[in-house]
Amino acid sequence: TTIGLFIAGGLLVSLGLAFFVGPLAS
């Protein structure tokens, strides 16, 4: 469960960064 939550959390953070921060790249 802990590993699954860690992976899901990392995936969500990656998706958020890709969607919200990616467009701000130089």
PDB file of all heavy atoms in Angstrom:
ATOM      1  N   THR A   1       0.836  -1.198   0.000  1.00  0.00           N
ATOM      2  CA  THR A   1       0.000   0.000   0.000  1.00  0.00           C
ATOM      3  C   THR A   1       0.871   1.249   0.000  1.00  0.00           C
ATOM      4  O   THR A   1       0.615   2.195  -0.752  1.00  0.00           O
ATOM      5  CB  THR A   1      -0.934   0.009   1.226  1.00  0.00           C
ATOM      6  OG1 THR A   1      -1.733  -1.172   1.186  1.00  0.00           O
ATOM      7  CG2 THR A   1      -1.823   1.227   1.227  1.00  0.00           C
ATOM      8  N   THR A   2       1.911   1.246   0.818  1.00  0.00           N
ATOM      9  CA  THR A   2       2.810   2.393   0.897  1.00  0.00           C
ATOM     10  C   THR A   2       3.505   2.631  -0.439  1.00  0.00           C
ATOM     11  O   THR A   2       3.585   3.765  -0.904  1.00  0.00           O
ATOM     12  CB  THR A   2       3.861   2.172   2.004  1.00  0.00           C
ATOM     13  OG1 THR A   2       3.185   1.948   3.230  1.00  0.00           O
ATOM     14  CG2 THR A   2       4.781   3.361   2.128  1.00  0.00           C
ATOM     15  N   ILE A   3       3.993   1.564  -1.058  1.00  0.00           N
ATOM     16  CA  ILE A   3       4.659   1.694  -2.356  1.00  0.00           C
ATOM     17  C   ILE A   3       3.669   2.187  -3.409  1.00  0.00           C
ATOM     18  O   ILE A   3       3.982   3.054  -4.217  1.00  0.00           O
ATOM     19  CB  ILE A   3       5.313   0.361  -2.772  1.00  0.00           C
ATOM     20  CG1 ILE A   3       6.494   0.060  -1.854  1.00  0.00           C
ATOM     21  CG2 ILE A   3       5.757   0.394  -4.226  1.00  0.00           C
ATOM     22  CD1 ILE A   3       7.088  -1.311  -2.026  1.00  0.00           C
ATOM     23  N   GLY A   4       2.465   1.646  -3.402  1.00  0.00           N
ATOM     24  CA  GLY A   4       1.443   2.070  -4.356  1.00  0.00           C
ATOM     25  C   GLY A   4       1.086   3.538  -4.192  1.00  0.00           C
ATOM     26  O   GLY A   4       0.951   4.269  -5.176  1.00  0.00           O
ATOM     27  N   LEU A   5       0.955   3.989  -2.938  1.00  0.00           N
ATOM     28  CA  LEU A   5       0.671   5.406  -2.692  1.00  0.00           C
ATOM     29  C   LEU A   5       1.826   6.291  -3.130  1.00  0.00           C
ATOM     30  O   LEU A   5       1.621   7.374  -3.682  1.00  0.00           O
ATOM     31  CB  LEU A   5       0.359   5.639  -1.210  1.00  0.00           C
ATOM     32  CG  LEU A   5      -0.986   5.100  -0.733  1.00  0.00           C
ATOM     33  CD1 LEU A   5      -1.099   5.253   0.785  1.00  0.00           C
ATOM     34  CD2 LEU A   5      -2.127   5.827  -1.425  1.00  0.00           C
ATOM     35  N   PHE A   6       3.053   5.829  -2.897  1.00  0.00           N
ATOM     36  CA  PHE A   6       4.234   6.579  -3.310  1.00  0.00           C
ATOM     37  C   PHE A   6       4.263   6.728  -4.835  1.00  0.00           C
ATOM     38  O   PHE A   6       4.509   7.826  -5.363  1.00  0.00           O
ATOM     39  CB  PHE A   6       5.500   5.887  -2.805  1.00  0.00           C
ATOM     40  CG  PHE A   6       6.768   6.573  -3.204  1.00  0.00           C
ATOM     41  CD1 PHE A   6       7.168   7.739  -2.573  1.00  0.00           C
ATOM     42  CD2 PHE A   6       7.557   6.051  -4.223  1.00  0.00           C
ATOM     43  CE1 PHE A   6       8.338   8.379  -2.946  1.00  0.00           C
ATOM     44  CE2 PHE A   6       8.730   6.679  -4.599  1.00  0.00           C
ATOM     45  CZ  PHE A   6       9.122   7.846  -3.958  1.00  0.00           C
ATOM     46  N   ILE A   7       4.011   5.650  -5.550  1.00  0.00           N
ATOM     47  CA  ILE A   7       4.010   5.689  -7.015  1.00  0.00           C
ATOM     48  C   ILE A   7       2.881   6.569  -7.532  1.00  0.00           C
ATOM     49  O   ILE A   7       3.076   7.391  -8.434  1.00  0.00           O
ATOM     50  CB  ILE A   7       3.919   4.259  -7.591  1.00  0.00           C
ATOM     51  CG1 ILE A   7       5.219   3.508  -7.305  1.00  0.00           C
ATOM     52  CG2 ILE A   7       3.630   4.282  -9.089  1.00  0.00           C
ATOM     53  CD1 ILE A   7       5.174   2.036  -7.635  1.00  0.00           C
ATOM     54  N   ALA A   8       1.683   6.415  -6.954  1.00  0.00           N
ATOM     55  CA  ALA A   8       0.544   7.242  -7.380  1.00  0.00           C
ATOM     56  C   ALA A   8       0.818   8.725  -7.106  1.00  0.00           C
ATOM     57  O   ALA A   8       0.520   9.582  -7.949  1.00  0.00           O
ATOM     58  CB  ALA A   8      -0.718   6.796  -6.658  1.00  0.00           C
ATOM     59  N   GLY A   9       1.402   9.019  -5.955  1.00  0.00           N
ATOM     60  CA  GLY A   9       1.736  10.405  -5.633  1.00  0.00           C
ATOM     61  C   GLY A   9       2.755  10.976  -6.597  1.00  0.00           C
ATOM     62  O   GLY A   9       2.626  12.113  -7.076  1.00  0.00           O
ATOM     63  N   GLY A  10       3.790  10.196  -6.911  1.00  0.00           N
ATOM     64  CA  GLY A  10       4.803  10.644  -7.872  1.00  0.00           C
ATOM     65  C   GLY A  10       4.212  10.864  -9.249  1.00  0.00           C
ATOM     66  O   GLY A  10       4.563  11.828  -9.938  1.00  0.00           O
ATOM     67  N   LEU A  11       3.307   9.991  -9.648  1.00  0.00           N
ATOM     68  CA  LEU A  11       2.648  10.148 -10.947  1.00  0.00           C
ATOM     69  C   LEU A  11       1.801  11.416 -10.970  1.00  0.00           C
ATOM     70  O   LEU A  11       1.838  12.181 -11.938  1.00  0.00           O
ATOM     71  CB  LEU A  11       1.798   8.917 -11.262  1.00  0.00           C
ATOM     72  CG  LEU A  11       1.075   8.914 -12.609  1.00  0.00           C
ATOM     73  CD1 LEU A  11       2.069   9.026 -13.763  1.00  0.00           C
ATOM     74  CD2 LEU A  11       0.245   7.648 -12.759  1.00  0.00           C
ATOM     75  N   LEU A  12       1.055  11.657  -9.897  1.00  0.00           N
ATOM     76  CA  LEU A  12       0.229  12.872  -9.839  1.00  0.00           C
ATOM     77  C   LEU A  12       1.077  14.145  -9.852  1.00  0.00           C
ATOM     78  O   LEU A  12       0.739  15.116 -10.533  1.00  0.00           O
ATOM     79  CB  LEU A  12      -0.668  12.845  -8.597  1.00  0.00           C
ATOM     80  CG  LEU A  12      -1.851  11.892  -8.661  1.00  0.00           C
ATOM     81  CD1 LEU A  12      -2.577  11.847  -7.316  1.00  0.00           C
ATOM     82  CD2 LEU A  12      -2.811  12.309  -9.760  1.00  0.00           C
ATOM     83  N   VAL A  13       2.180  14.142  -9.109  1.00  0.00           N
ATOM     84  CA  VAL A  13       3.071  15.312  -9.111  1.00  0.00           C
ATOM     85  C   VAL A  13       3.646  15.523 -10.511  1.00  0.00           C
ATOM     86  O   VAL A  13       3.694  16.651 -11.020  1.00  0.00           O
ATOM     87  CB  VAL A  13       4.199  15.141  -8.064  1.00  0.00           C
ATOM     88  CG1 VAL A  13       5.287  16.182  -8.250  1.00  0.00           C
ATOM     89  CG2 VAL A  13       3.629  15.226  -6.654  1.00  0.00           C
ATOM     90  N   SER A  14       4.069  14.449 -11.164  1.00  0.00           N
ATOM     91  CA  SER A  14       4.622  14.546 -12.518  1.00  0.00           C
ATOM     92  C   SER A  14       3.591  15.082 -13.506  1.00  0.00           C
ATOM     93  O   SER A  14       3.902  15.935 -14.343  1.00  0.00           O
ATOM     94  CB  SER A  14       5.112  13.177 -12.998  1.00  0.00           C
ATOM     95  OG  SER A  14       6.137  12.707 -12.176  1.00  0.00           O
ATOM     96  N   LEU A  15       2.364  14.584 -13.398  1.00  0.00           N
ATOM     97  CA  LEU A  15       1.296  15.067 -14.282  1.00  0.00           C
ATOM     98  C   LEU A  15       1.009  16.553 -14.037  1.00  0.00           C
ATOM     99  O   LEU A  15       0.841  17.326 -14.990  1.00  0.00           O
ATOM    100  CB  LEU A  15       0.024  14.243 -14.081  1.00  0.00           C
ATOM    101  CG  LEU A  15       0.066  12.819 -14.613  1.00  0.00           C
ATOM    102  CD1 LEU A  15      -1.135  12.023 -14.112  1.00  0.00           C
ATOM    103  CD2 LEU A  15       0.123  12.805 -16.126  1.00  0.00           C
ATOM    104  N   GLY A  16       0.977  16.941 -12.763  1.00  0.00           N
ATOM    105  CA  GLY A  16       0.738  18.346 -12.440  1.00  0.00           C
ATOM    106  C   GLY A  16       1.835  19.244 -12.965  1.00  0.00           C
ATOM    107  O   GLY A  16       1.572  20.315 -13.536  1.00  0.00           O
ATOM    108  N   LEU A  17       3.080  18.831 -12.778  1.00  0.00           N
ATOM    109  CA  LEU A  17       4.200  19.628 -13.289  1.00  0.00           C
ATOM    110  C   LEU A  17       4.163  19.721 -14.807  1.00  0.00           C
ATOM    111  O   LEU A  17       4.386  20.804 -15.374  1.00  0.00           O
ATOM    112  CB  LEU A  17       5.526  19.031 -12.820  1.00  0.00           C
ATOM    113  CG  LEU A  17       5.865  19.211 -11.358  1.00  0.00           C
ATOM    114  CD1 LEU A  17       7.101  18.399 -10.986  1.00  0.00           C
ATOM    115  CD2 LEU A  17       6.078  20.675 -11.018  1.00  0.00           C
ATOM    116  N   ALA A  18       3.890  18.614 -15.465  1.00  0.00           N
ATOM    117  CA  ALA A  18       3.844  18.611 -16.926  1.00  0.00           C
ATOM    118  C   ALA A  18       2.753  19.546 -17.443  1.00  0.00           C
ATOM    119  O   ALA A  18       2.965  20.290 -18.397  1.00  0.00           O
ATOM    120  CB  ALA A  18       3.611  17.199 -17.452  1.00  0.00           C
ATOM    121  N   PHE A  19       1.599  19.532 -16.780  1.00  0.00           N
ATOM    122  CA  PHE A  19       0.482  20.333 -17.275  1.00  0.00           C
ATOM    123  C   PHE A  19       0.588  21.810 -16.894  1.00  0.00           C
ATOM    124  O   PHE A  19       0.340  22.687 -17.719  1.00  0.00           O
ATOM    125  CB  PHE A  19      -0.848  19.765 -16.771  1.00  0.00           C
ATOM    126  CG  PHE A  19      -2.038  20.434 -17.394  1.00  0.00           C
ATOM    127  CD1 PHE A  19      -2.410  20.133 -18.693  1.00  0.00           C
ATOM    128  CD2 PHE A  19      -2.778  21.376 -16.699  1.00  0.00           C
ATOM    129  CE1 PHE A  19      -3.500  20.754 -19.288  1.00  0.00           C
ATOM    130  CE2 PHE A  19      -3.867  21.999 -17.281  1.00  0.00           C
ATOM    131  CZ  PHE A  19      -4.226  21.688 -18.587  1.00  0.00           C
ATOM    132  N   PHE A  20       0.975  22.083 -15.645  1.00  0.00           N
ATOM    133  CA  PHE A  20       0.944  23.460 -15.178  1.00  0.00           C
ATOM    134  C   PHE A  20       2.273  24.200 -15.328  1.00  0.00           C
ATOM    135  O   PHE A  20       2.291  25.410 -15.548  1.00  0.00           O
ATOM    136  CB  PHE A  20       0.497  23.519 -13.709  1.00  0.00           C
ATOM    137  CG  PHE A  20      -0.927  23.080 -13.521  1.00  0.00           C
ATOM    138  CD1 PHE A  20      -1.211  21.884 -12.890  1.00  0.00           C
ATOM    139  CD2 PHE A  20      -1.971  23.843 -13.997  1.00  0.00           C
ATOM    140  CE1 PHE A  20      -2.526  21.463 -12.718  1.00  0.00           C
ATOM    141  CE2 PHE A  20      -3.289  23.439 -13.836  1.00  0.00           C
ATOM    142  CZ  PHE A  20      -3.564  22.249 -13.199  1.00  0.00           C
ATOM    143  N   VAL A  21       3.394  23.499 -15.207  1.00  0.00           N
ATOM    144  CA  VAL A  21       4.695  24.163 -15.267  1.00  0.00           C
ATOM    145  C   VAL A  21       5.309  24.057 -16.664  1.00  0.00           C
ATOM    146  O   VAL A  21       6.010  24.970 -17.095  1.00  0.00           O
ATOM    147  CB  VAL A  21       5.654  23.583 -14.197  1.00  0.00           C
ATOM    148  CG1 VAL A  21       7.015  24.240 -14.255  1.00  0.00           C
ATOM    149  CG2 VAL A  21       5.051  23.747 -12.807  1.00  0.00           C
ATOM    150  N   GLY A  22       5.029  22.983 -17.368  1.00  0.00           N
ATOM    151  CA  GLY A  22       5.575  22.798 -18.714  1.00  0.00           C
ATOM    152  C   GLY A  22       5.346  23.978 -19.642  1.00  0.00           C
ATOM    153  O   GLY A  22       6.278  24.424 -20.324  1.00  0.00           O
ATOM    154  N   PRO A  23       4.137  24.533 -19.693  1.00  0.00           N
ATOM    155  CA  PRO A  23       3.895  25.674 -20.580  1.00  0.00           C
ATOM    156  C   PRO A  23       4.688  26.931 -20.199  1.00  0.00           C
ATOM    157  O   PRO A  23       4.812  27.852 -21.002  1.00  0.00           O
ATOM    158  CB  PRO A  23       2.393  25.927 -20.429  1.00  0.00           C
ATOM    159  CG  PRO A  23       1.830  24.612 -20.027  1.00  0.00           C
ATOM    160  CD  PRO A  23       2.885  23.996 -19.159  1.00  0.00           C
ATOM    161  N   LEU A  24       5.240  26.977 -18.991  1.00  0.00           N
ATOM    162  CA  LEU A  24       5.998  28.148 -18.558  1.00  0.00           C
ATOM    163  C   LEU A  24       7.481  28.056 -18.932  1.00  0.00           C
ATOM    164  O   LEU A  24       8.249  28.978 -18.636  1.00  0.00           O
ATOM    165  CB  LEU A  24       5.874  28.311 -17.037  1.00  0.00           C
ATOM    166  CG  LEU A  24       4.447  28.455 -16.495  1.00  0.00           C
ATOM    167  CD1 LEU A  24       4.467  28.523 -14.975  1.00  0.00           C
ATOM    168  CD2 LEU A  24       3.775  29.676 -17.082  1.00  0.00           C
ATOM    169  N   ALA A  25       7.895  26.970 -19.560  1.00  0.00           N
ATOM    170  CA  ALA A  25       9.297  26.795 -19.940  1.00  0.00           C
ATOM    171  C   ALA A  25       9.720  27.892 -20.913  1.00  0.00           C
ATOM    172  O   ALA A  25       8.917  28.417 -21.688  1.00  0.00           O
ATOM    173  CB  ALA A  25       9.494  25.422 -20.576  1.00  0.00           C
ATOM    174  N   SER A  26      10.981  28.223 -20.858  1.00  0.00           N
ATOM    175  CA  SER A  26      11.523  29.284 -21.702  1.00  0.00           C
ATOM    176  C   SER A  26      11.414  28.925 -23.178  1.00  0.00           C
ATOM    177  O   SER A  26      11.655  27.793 -23.572  1.00  0.00           O
ATOM    178  CB  SER A  26      12.988  29.528 -21.347  1.00  0.00           C
ATOM    179  OG  SER A  26      13.562  30.456 -22.232  1.00  0.00           O
TER     180      SER A  26
END
